[in-house]
Amino acid sequence: MPEISTFYGLIVLMNFKDHSPPHFHVWYGEYKTIVTIKDGIVKGEMPQRALKMIFDWLESHRIELMEDWELSQKSEALKKIE
């Protein structure tokens, strides 16, 4: 699973040709979660403070995430996101 961003110990990843809805994965220590790009629905467990950082990051990078999602569906190289 390609890593597209890291910040404050959070690792953001996206699978190639993954199932809908568009989403990304976040790993943080022993925690793993999936977050939808459009509405921020979370599946999995994550500390509350880490979730706040993820949601803030999502708001700032939603367009870039959708661009990476479209690339991932075509199995093309994903762009790193700050």
PDB file of N, CA and C in Angstrom:
ATOM      1  N   MET A   1       0.857  -1.165   0.000  1.00  0.00           N
ATOM      2  CA  MET A   1       0.000   0.000   0.000  1.00  0.00           C
ATOM      3  C   MET A   1       0.908   1.235   0.000  1.00  0.00           C
ATOM      4  N   PRO A   2       0.817   2.086  -1.020  1.00  0.00           N
ATOM      5  CA  PRO A   2       1.685   3.257  -1.111  1.00  0.00           C
ATOM      6  C   PRO A   2       1.411   4.298  -0.022  1.00  0.00           C
ATOM      7  N   GLU A   3       2.490   4.806   0.545  1.00  0.00           N
ATOM      8  CA  GLU A   3       2.412   5.869   1.547  1.00  0.00           C
ATOM      9  C   GLU A   3       2.336   7.203   0.809  1.00  0.00           C
ATOM     10  N   ILE A   4       1.327   8.029   1.142  1.00  0.00           N
ATOM     11  CA  ILE A   4       1.198   9.315   0.465  1.00  0.00           C
ATOM     12  C   ILE A   4       1.538  10.498   1.370  1.00  0.00           C
ATOM     13  N   SER A   5       1.564  10.275   2.686  1.00  0.00           N
ATOM     14  CA  SER A   5       1.908  11.367   3.598  1.00  0.00           C
ATOM     15  C   SER A   5       2.245  10.818   4.976  1.00  0.00           C
ATOM     16  N   THR A   6       3.056  11.571   5.714  1.00  0.00           N
ATOM     17  CA  THR A   6       3.309  11.279   7.128  1.00  0.00           C
ATOM     18  C   THR A   6       3.376  12.608   7.870  1.00  0.00           C
ATOM     19  N   PHE A   7       2.805  12.638   9.062  1.00  0.00           N
ATOM     20  CA  PHE A   7       2.881  13.817   9.915  1.00  0.00           C
ATOM     21  C   PHE A   7       2.535  13.411  11.339  1.00  0.00           C
ATOM     22  N   TYR A   8       3.290  13.927  12.294  1.00  0.00           N
ATOM     23  CA  TYR A   8       3.095  13.662  13.724  1.00  0.00           C
ATOM     24  C   TYR A   8       2.944  12.169  14.042  1.00  0.00           C
ATOM     25  N   GLY A   9       3.684  11.334  13.338  1.00  0.00           N
ATOM     26  CA  GLY A   9       3.621   9.898  13.569  1.00  0.00           C
ATOM     27  C   GLY A   9       2.483   9.191  12.857  1.00  0.00           C
ATOM     28  N   LEU A  10       1.625   9.939  12.171  1.00  0.00           N
ATOM     29  CA  LEU A  10       0.526   9.357  11.395  1.00  0.00           C
ATOM     30  C   LEU A  10       1.045   9.019  10.005  1.00  0.00           C
ATOM     31  N   ILE A  11       0.724   7.836   9.529  1.00  0.00           N
ATOM     32  CA  ILE A  11       1.130   7.403   8.195  1.00  0.00           C
ATOM     33  C   ILE A  11      -0.141   7.249   7.365  1.00  0.00           C
ATOM     34  N   VAL A  12      -0.211   7.993   6.252  1.00  0.00           N
ATOM     35  CA  VAL A  12      -1.391   7.984   5.387  1.00  0.00           C
ATOM     36  C   VAL A  12      -1.057   7.164   4.151  1.00  0.00           C
ATOM     37  N   LEU A  13      -1.921   6.197   3.848  1.00  0.00           N
ATOM     38  CA  LEU A  13      -1.690   5.276   2.736  1.00  0.00           C
ATOM     39  C   LEU A  13      -2.948   5.177   1.875  1.00  0.00           C
ATOM     40  N   MET A  14      -2.748   4.728   0.625  1.00  0.00           N
ATOM     41  CA  MET A  14      -3.875   4.508  -0.270  1.00  0.00           C
ATOM     42  C   MET A  14      -3.567   3.295  -1.144  1.00  0.00           C
ATOM     43  N   ASN A  15      -4.522   2.391  -1.247  1.00  0.00           N
ATOM     44  CA  ASN A  15      -4.375   1.191  -2.066  1.00  0.00           C
ATOM     45  C   ASN A  15      -4.676   1.472  -3.532  1.00  0.00           C
ATOM     46  N   PHE A  16      -4.042   0.715  -4.413  1.00  0.00           N
ATOM     47  CA  PHE A  16      -4.392   0.760  -5.825  1.00  0.00           C
ATOM     48  C   PHE A  16      -5.673  -0.030  -6.045  1.00  0.00           C
ATOM     49  N   LYS A  17      -6.560   0.516  -6.891  1.00  0.00           N
ATOM     50  CA  LYS A  17      -7.814  -0.136  -7.286  1.00  0.00           C
ATOM     51  C   LYS A  17      -8.614  -0.626  -6.083  1.00  0.00           C
ATOM     52  N   ASP A  18      -8.680   0.183  -5.048  1.00  0.00           N
ATOM     53  CA  ASP A  18      -9.418  -0.163  -3.834  1.00  0.00           C
ATOM     54  C   ASP A  18     -10.913   0.045  -4.070  1.00  0.00           C
ATOM     55  N   HIS A  19     -11.725  -0.483  -3.171  1.00  0.00           N
ATOM     56  CA  HIS A  19     -13.183  -0.396  -3.269  1.00  0.00           C
ATOM     57  C   HIS A  19     -13.676   1.018  -2.975  1.00  0.00           C
ATOM     58  N   SER A  20     -14.856   1.343  -3.484  1.00  0.00           N
ATOM     59  CA  SER A  20     -15.510   2.628  -3.176  1.00  0.00           C
ATOM     60  C   SER A  20     -16.146   2.536  -1.808  1.00  0.00           C
ATOM     61  N   PRO A  21     -16.422   3.651  -1.159  1.00  0.00           N
ATOM     62  CA  PRO A  21     -16.209   5.029  -1.586  1.00  0.00           C
ATOM     63  C   PRO A  21     -14.739   5.413  -1.480  1.00  0.00           C
ATOM     64  N   PRO A  22     -14.353   6.512  -2.163  1.00  0.00           N
ATOM     65  CA  PRO A  22     -12.963   6.964  -2.079  1.00  0.00           C
ATOM     66  C   PRO A  22     -12.542   7.173  -0.621  1.00  0.00           C
ATOM     67  N   HIS A  23     -11.392   6.618  -0.270  1.00  0.00           N
ATOM     68  CA  HIS A  23     -10.935   6.669   1.120  1.00  0.00           C
ATOM     69  C   HIS A  23      -9.421   6.521   1.186  1.00  0.00           C
ATOM     70  N   PHE A  24      -8.895   6.722   2.391  1.00  0.00           N
ATOM     71  CA  PHE A  24      -7.480   6.490   2.642  1.00  0.00           C
ATOM     72  C   PHE A  24      -7.345   5.775   3.982  1.00  0.00           C
ATOM     73  N   HIS A  25      -6.190   5.190   4.198  1.00  0.00           N
ATOM     74  CA  HIS A  25      -5.889   4.452   5.421  1.00  0.00           C
ATOM     75  C   HIS A  25      -4.912   5.266   6.251  1.00  0.00           C
ATOM     76  N   VAL A  26      -5.050   5.187   7.571  1.00  0.00           N
ATOM     77  CA  VAL A  26      -4.104   5.856   8.461  1.00  0.00           C
ATOM     78  C   VAL A  26      -3.634   4.853   9.502  1.00  0.00           C
ATOM     79  N   TRP A  27      -2.323   4.775   9.664  1.00  0.00           N
ATOM     80  CA  TRP A  27      -1.712   3.950  10.706  1.00  0.00           C
ATOM     81  C   TRP A  27      -1.050   4.881  11.705  1.00  0.00           C
ATOM     82  N   TYR A  28      -1.217   4.549  12.974  1.00  0.00           N
ATOM     83  CA  TYR A  28      -0.603   5.342  14.048  1.00  0.00           C
ATOM     84  C   TYR A  28      -0.297   4.372  15.182  1.00  0.00           C
ATOM     85  N   GLY A  29       0.967   3.978  15.292  1.00  0.00           N
ATOM     86  CA  GLY A  29       1.329   2.964  16.284  1.00  0.00           C
ATOM     87  C   GLY A  29       0.558   1.686  15.999  1.00  0.00           C
ATOM     88  N   GLU A  30      -0.155   1.175  17.005  1.00  0.00           N
ATOM     89  CA  GLU A  30      -0.940  -0.052  16.811  1.00  0.00           C
ATOM     90  C   GLU A  30      -2.336   0.218  16.257  1.00  0.00           C
ATOM     91  N   TYR A  31      -2.683   1.489  16.059  1.00  0.00           N
ATOM     92  CA  TYR A  31      -4.012   1.854  15.561  1.00  0.00           C
ATOM     93  C   TYR A  31      -4.027   1.911  14.040  1.00  0.00           C
ATOM     94  N   LYS A  32      -5.142   1.472  13.466  1.00  0.00           N
ATOM     95  CA  LYS A  32      -5.353   1.550  12.019  1.00  0.00           C
ATOM     96  C   LYS A  32      -6.800   1.955  11.782  1.00  0.00           C
ATOM     97  N   THR A  33      -6.988   2.849  10.816  1.00  0.00           N
ATOM     98  CA  THR A  33      -8.338   3.296  10.507  1.00  0.00           C
ATOM     99  C   THR A  33      -8.456   3.606   9.024  1.00  0.00           C
ATOM    100  N   ILE A  34      -9.681   3.674   8.549  1.00  0.00           N
ATOM    101  CA  ILE A  34     -10.002   4.057   7.179  1.00  0.00           C
ATOM    102  C   ILE A  34     -10.880   5.297   7.274  1.00  0.00           C
ATOM    103  N   VAL A  35     -10.589   6.305   6.434  1.00  0.00           N
ATOM    104  CA  VAL A  35     -11.343   7.563   6.445  1.00  0.00           C
ATOM    105  C   VAL A  35     -11.824   7.856   5.028  1.00  0.00           C
ATOM    106  N   THR A  36     -13.136   8.091   4.867  1.00  0.00           N
ATOM    107  CA  THR A  36     -13.648   8.452   3.553  1.00  0.00           C
ATOM    108  C   THR A  36     -13.269   9.895   3.245  1.00  0.00           C
ATOM    109  N   ILE A  37     -12.955  10.144   1.979  1.00  0.00           N
ATOM    110  CA  ILE A  37     -12.484  11.470   1.580  1.00  0.00           C
ATOM    111  C   ILE A  37     -13.622  12.487   1.563  1.00  0.00           C
ATOM    112  N   LYS A  38     -14.756  12.099   1.058  1.00  0.00           N
ATOM    113  CA  LYS A  38     -15.864  13.050   0.900  1.00  0.00           C
ATOM    114  C   LYS A  38     -16.437  13.519   2.233  1.00  0.00           C
ATOM    115  N   ASP A  39     -16.736  12.583   3.127  1.00  0.00           N
ATOM    116  CA  ASP A  39     -17.461  12.964   4.345  1.00  0.00           C
ATOM    117  C   ASP A  39     -16.744  12.630   5.650  1.00  0.00           C
ATOM    118  N   GLY A  40     -15.533  12.087   5.587  1.00  0.00           N
ATOM    119  CA  GLY A  40     -14.745  11.854   6.794  1.00  0.00           C
ATOM    120  C   GLY A  40     -15.269  10.764   7.706  1.00  0.00           C
ATOM    121  N   ILE A  41     -16.029   9.819   7.167  1.00  0.00           N
ATOM    122  CA  ILE A  41     -16.503   8.701   7.979  1.00  0.00           C
ATOM    123  C   ILE A  41     -15.313   7.807   8.312  1.00  0.00           C
ATOM    124  N   VAL A  42     -15.230   7.397   9.564  1.00  0.00           N
ATOM    125  CA  VAL A  42     -14.083   6.624  10.052  1.00  0.00           C
ATOM    126  C   VAL A  42     -14.505   5.199  10.374  1.00  0.00           C
ATOM    127  N   LYS A  43     -13.690   4.236   9.925  1.00  0.00           N
ATOM    128  CA  LYS A  43     -13.857   2.839  10.319  1.00  0.00           C
ATOM    129  C   LYS A  43     -12.556   2.408  10.959  1.00  0.00           C
ATOM    130  N   GLY A  44     -12.640   1.917  12.168  1.00  0.00           N
ATOM    131  CA  GLY A  44     -11.450   1.509  12.888  1.00  0.00           C
ATOM    132  C   GLY A  44     -11.307   2.319  14.156  1.00  0.00           C
ATOM    133  N   GLU A  45     -10.154   2.178  14.804  1.00  0.00           N
ATOM    134  CA  GLU A  45      -9.906   2.872  16.063  1.00  0.00           C
ATOM    135  C   GLU A  45      -8.714   3.805  15.921  1.00  0.00           C
ATOM    136  N   MET A  46      -8.809   4.945  16.616  1.00  0.00           N
ATOM    137  CA  MET A  46      -7.750   5.942  16.589  1.00  0.00           C
ATOM    138  C   MET A  46      -7.955   6.841  17.801  1.00  0.00           C
ATOM    139  N   PRO A  47      -6.886   7.239  18.487  1.00  0.00           N
ATOM    140  CA  PRO A  47      -7.041   8.173  19.602  1.00  0.00           C
ATOM    141  C   PRO A  47      -7.696   9.475  19.134  1.00  0.00           C
ATOM    142  N   GLN A  48      -8.471  10.084  20.008  1.00  0.00           N
ATOM    143  CA  GLN A  48      -9.222  11.298  19.668  1.00  0.00           C
ATOM    144  C   GLN A  48      -8.316  12.418  19.153  1.00  0.00           C
ATOM    145  N   ARG A  49      -7.182  12.623  19.793  1.00  0.00           N
ATOM    146  CA  ARG A  49      -6.260  13.686  19.373  1.00  0.00           C
ATOM    147  C   ARG A  49      -5.731  13.428  17.962  1.00  0.00           C
ATOM    148  N   ALA A  50      -5.434  12.178  17.644  1.00  0.00           N
ATOM    149  CA  ALA A  50      -4.971  11.825  16.306  1.00  0.00           C
ATOM    150  C   ALA A  50      -6.087  12.034  15.285  1.00  0.00           C
ATOM    151  N   LEU A  51      -7.331  11.691  15.642  1.00  0.00           N
ATOM    152  CA  LEU A  51      -8.457  11.905  14.739  1.00  0.00           C
ATOM    153  C   LEU A  51      -8.614  13.383  14.404  1.00  0.00           C
ATOM    154  N   LYS A  52      -8.449  14.249  15.378  1.00  0.00           N
ATOM    155  CA  LYS A  52      -8.556  15.689  15.109  1.00  0.00           C
ATOM    156  C   LYS A  52      -7.504  16.116  14.096  1.00  0.00           C
ATOM    157  N   MET A  53      -6.278  15.623  14.234  1.00  0.00           N
ATOM    158  CA  MET A  53      -5.220  15.965  13.282  1.00  0.00           C
ATOM    159  C   MET A  53      -5.552  15.437  11.891  1.00  0.00           C
ATOM    160  N   ILE A  54      -6.107  14.219  11.833  1.00  0.00           N
ATOM    161  CA  ILE A  54      -6.493  13.624  10.546  1.00  0.00           C
ATOM    162  C   ILE A  54      -7.576  14.465   9.877  1.00  0.00           C
ATOM    163  N   PHE A  55      -8.598  14.856  10.634  1.00  0.00           N
ATOM    164  CA  PHE A  55      -9.689  15.648  10.061  1.00  0.00           C
ATOM    165  C   PHE A  55      -9.197  17.021   9.593  1.00  0.00           C
ATOM    166  N   ASP A  56      -8.318  17.656  10.358  1.00  0.00           N
ATOM    167  CA  ASP A  56      -7.755  18.942   9.934  1.00  0.00           C
ATOM    168  C   ASP A  56      -6.968  18.776   8.637  1.00  0.00           C
ATOM    169  N   TRP A  57      -6.172  17.711   8.563  1.00  0.00           N
ATOM    170  CA  TRP A  57      -5.385  17.424   7.367  1.00  0.00           C
ATOM    171  C   TRP A  57      -6.293  17.130   6.182  1.00  0.00           C
ATOM    172  N   LEU A  58      -7.349  16.349   6.409  1.00  0.00           N
ATOM    173  CA  LEU A  58      -8.302  16.014   5.354  1.00  0.00           C
ATOM    174  C   LEU A  58      -8.910  17.286   4.764  1.00  0.00           C
ATOM    175  N   GLU A  59      -9.332  18.212   5.610  1.00  0.00           N
ATOM    176  CA  GLU A  59      -9.923  19.468   5.126  1.00  0.00           C
ATOM    177  C   GLU A  59      -8.959  20.245   4.245  1.00  0.00           C
ATOM    178  N   SER A  60      -7.682  20.217   4.576  1.00  0.00           N
ATOM    179  CA  SER A  60      -6.676  20.967   3.817  1.00  0.00           C
ATOM    180  C   SER A  60      -6.257  20.278   2.526  1.00  0.00           C
ATOM    181  N   HIS A  61      -6.493  18.975   2.414  1.00  0.00           N
ATOM    182  CA  HIS A  61      -5.938  18.209   1.282  1.00  0.00           C
ATOM    183  C   HIS A  61      -6.972  17.367   0.542  1.00  0.00           C
ATOM    184  N   ARG A  62      -8.244  17.695   0.682  1.00  0.00           N
ATOM    185  CA  ARG A  62      -9.313  16.888   0.062  1.00  0.00           C
ATOM    186  C   ARG A  62      -9.140  16.787  -1.461  1.00  0.00           C
ATOM    187  N   ILE A  63      -8.816  17.889  -2.129  1.00  0.00           N
ATOM    188  CA  ILE A  63      -8.662  17.869  -3.591  1.00  0.00           C
ATOM    189  C   ILE A  63      -7.491  16.972  -3.989  1.00  0.00           C
ATOM    190  N   GLU A  64      -6.361  17.115  -3.302  1.00  0.00           N
ATOM    191  CA  GLU A  64      -5.195  16.278  -3.597  1.00  0.00           C
ATOM    192  C   GLU A  64      -5.493  14.801  -3.343  1.00  0.00           C
ATOM    193  N   LEU A  65      -6.252  14.515  -2.300  1.00  0.00           N
ATOM    194  CA  LEU A  65      -6.625  13.131  -1.999  1.00  0.00           C
ATOM    195  C   LEU A  65      -7.487  12.546  -3.113  1.00  0.00           C
ATOM    196  N   MET A  66      -8.429  13.334  -3.626  1.00  0.00           N
ATOM    197  CA  MET A  66      -9.263  12.836  -4.721  1.00  0.00           C
ATOM    198  C   MET A  66      -8.436  12.617  -5.988  1.00  0.00           C
ATOM    199  N   GLU A  67      -7.460  13.494  -6.223  1.00  0.00           N
ATOM    200  CA  GLU A  67      -6.569  13.294  -7.370  1.00  0.00           C
ATOM    201  C   GLU A  67      -5.793  11.991  -7.218  1.00  0.00           C
ATOM    202  N   ASP A  68      -5.270  11.732  -6.011  1.00  0.00           N
ATOM    203  CA  ASP A  68      -4.560  10.475  -5.772  1.00  0.00           C
ATOM    204  C   ASP A  68      -5.509   9.287  -5.899  1.00  0.00           C
ATOM    205  N   TRP A  69      -6.750   9.430  -5.429  1.00  0.00           N
ATOM    206  CA  TRP A  69      -7.718   8.336  -5.547  1.00  0.00           C
ATOM    207  C   TRP A  69      -7.919   7.980  -7.022  1.00  0.00           C
ATOM    208  N   GLU A  70      -8.078   9.001  -7.867  1.00  0.00           N
ATOM    209  CA  GLU A  70      -8.277   8.756  -9.302  1.00  0.00           C
ATOM    210  C   GLU A  70      -7.053   8.077  -9.907  1.00  0.00           C
ATOM    211  N   LEU A  71      -5.858   8.510  -9.504  1.00  0.00           N
ATOM    212  CA  LEU A  71      -4.638   7.852  -9.982  1.00  0.00           C
ATOM    213  C   LEU A  71      -4.584   6.397  -9.507  1.00  0.00           C
ATOM    214  N   SER A  72      -4.960   6.160  -8.260  1.00  0.00           N
ATOM    215  CA  SER A  72      -4.897   4.804  -7.710  1.00  0.00           C
ATOM    216  C   SER A  72      -5.840   3.857  -8.444  1.00  0.00           C
ATOM    217  N   GLN A  73      -6.954   4.367  -8.909  1.00  0.00           N
ATOM    218  CA  GLN A  73      -7.909   3.524  -9.627  1.00  0.00           C
ATOM    219  C   GLN A  73      -7.380   3.088 -10.992  1.00  0.00           C
ATOM    220  N   LYS A  74      -6.418   3.846 -11.513  1.00  0.00           N
ATOM    221  CA  LYS A  74      -5.776   3.501 -12.789  1.00  0.00           C
ATOM    222  C   LYS A  74      -4.407   2.846 -12.574  1.00  0.00           C
ATOM    223  N   SER A  75      -4.085   2.538 -11.305  1.00  0.00           N
ATOM    224  CA  SER A  75      -2.786   1.952 -10.933  1.00  0.00           C
ATOM    225  C   SER A  75      -1.613   2.819 -11.375  1.00  0.00           C
ATOM    226  N   GLU A  76      -1.800   4.135 -11.334  1.00  0.00           N
ATOM    227  CA  GLU A  76      -0.730   5.063 -11.671  1.00  0.00           C
ATOM    228  C   GLU A  76      -0.055   5.543 -10.385  1.00  0.00           C
ATOM    229  N   ALA A  77       1.153   6.055 -10.525  1.00  0.00           N
ATOM    230  CA  ALA A  77       1.920   6.526  -9.367  1.00  0.00           C
ATOM    231  C   ALA A  77       1.171   7.621  -8.621  1.00  0.00           C
ATOM    232  N   LEU A  78       1.137   7.499  -7.296  1.00  0.00           N
ATOM    233  CA  LEU A  78       0.459   8.492  -6.468  1.00  0.00           C
ATOM    234  C   LEU A  78       1.406   9.616  -6.122  1.00  0.00           C
ATOM    235  N   LYS A  79       0.836  10.807  -5.910  1.00  0.00           N
ATOM    236  CA  LYS A  79       1.630  11.979  -5.543  1.00  0.00           C
ATOM    237  C   LYS A  79       1.709  12.087  -4.028  1.00  0.00           C
ATOM    238  N   LYS A  80       2.864  12.453  -3.524  1.00  0.00           N
ATOM    239  CA  LYS A  80       3.027  12.700  -2.085  1.00  0.00           C
ATOM    240  C   LYS A  80       2.257  13.961  -1.711  1.00  0.00           C
ATOM    241  N   ILE A  81       1.676  13.969  -0.524  1.00  0.00           N
ATOM    242  CA  ILE A  81       0.922  15.113  -0.019  1.00  0.00           C
ATOM    243  C   ILE A  81       1.597  15.569   1.269  1.00  0.00           C
ATOM    244  N   GLU A  82       1.792  16.879   1.416  1.00  0.00           N
ATOM    245  CA  GLU A  82       2.431  17.408   2.631  1.00  0.00           C
ATOM    246  C   GLU A  82       1.590  17.154   3.863  1.00  0.00           C
TER     247      GLU A  82
END
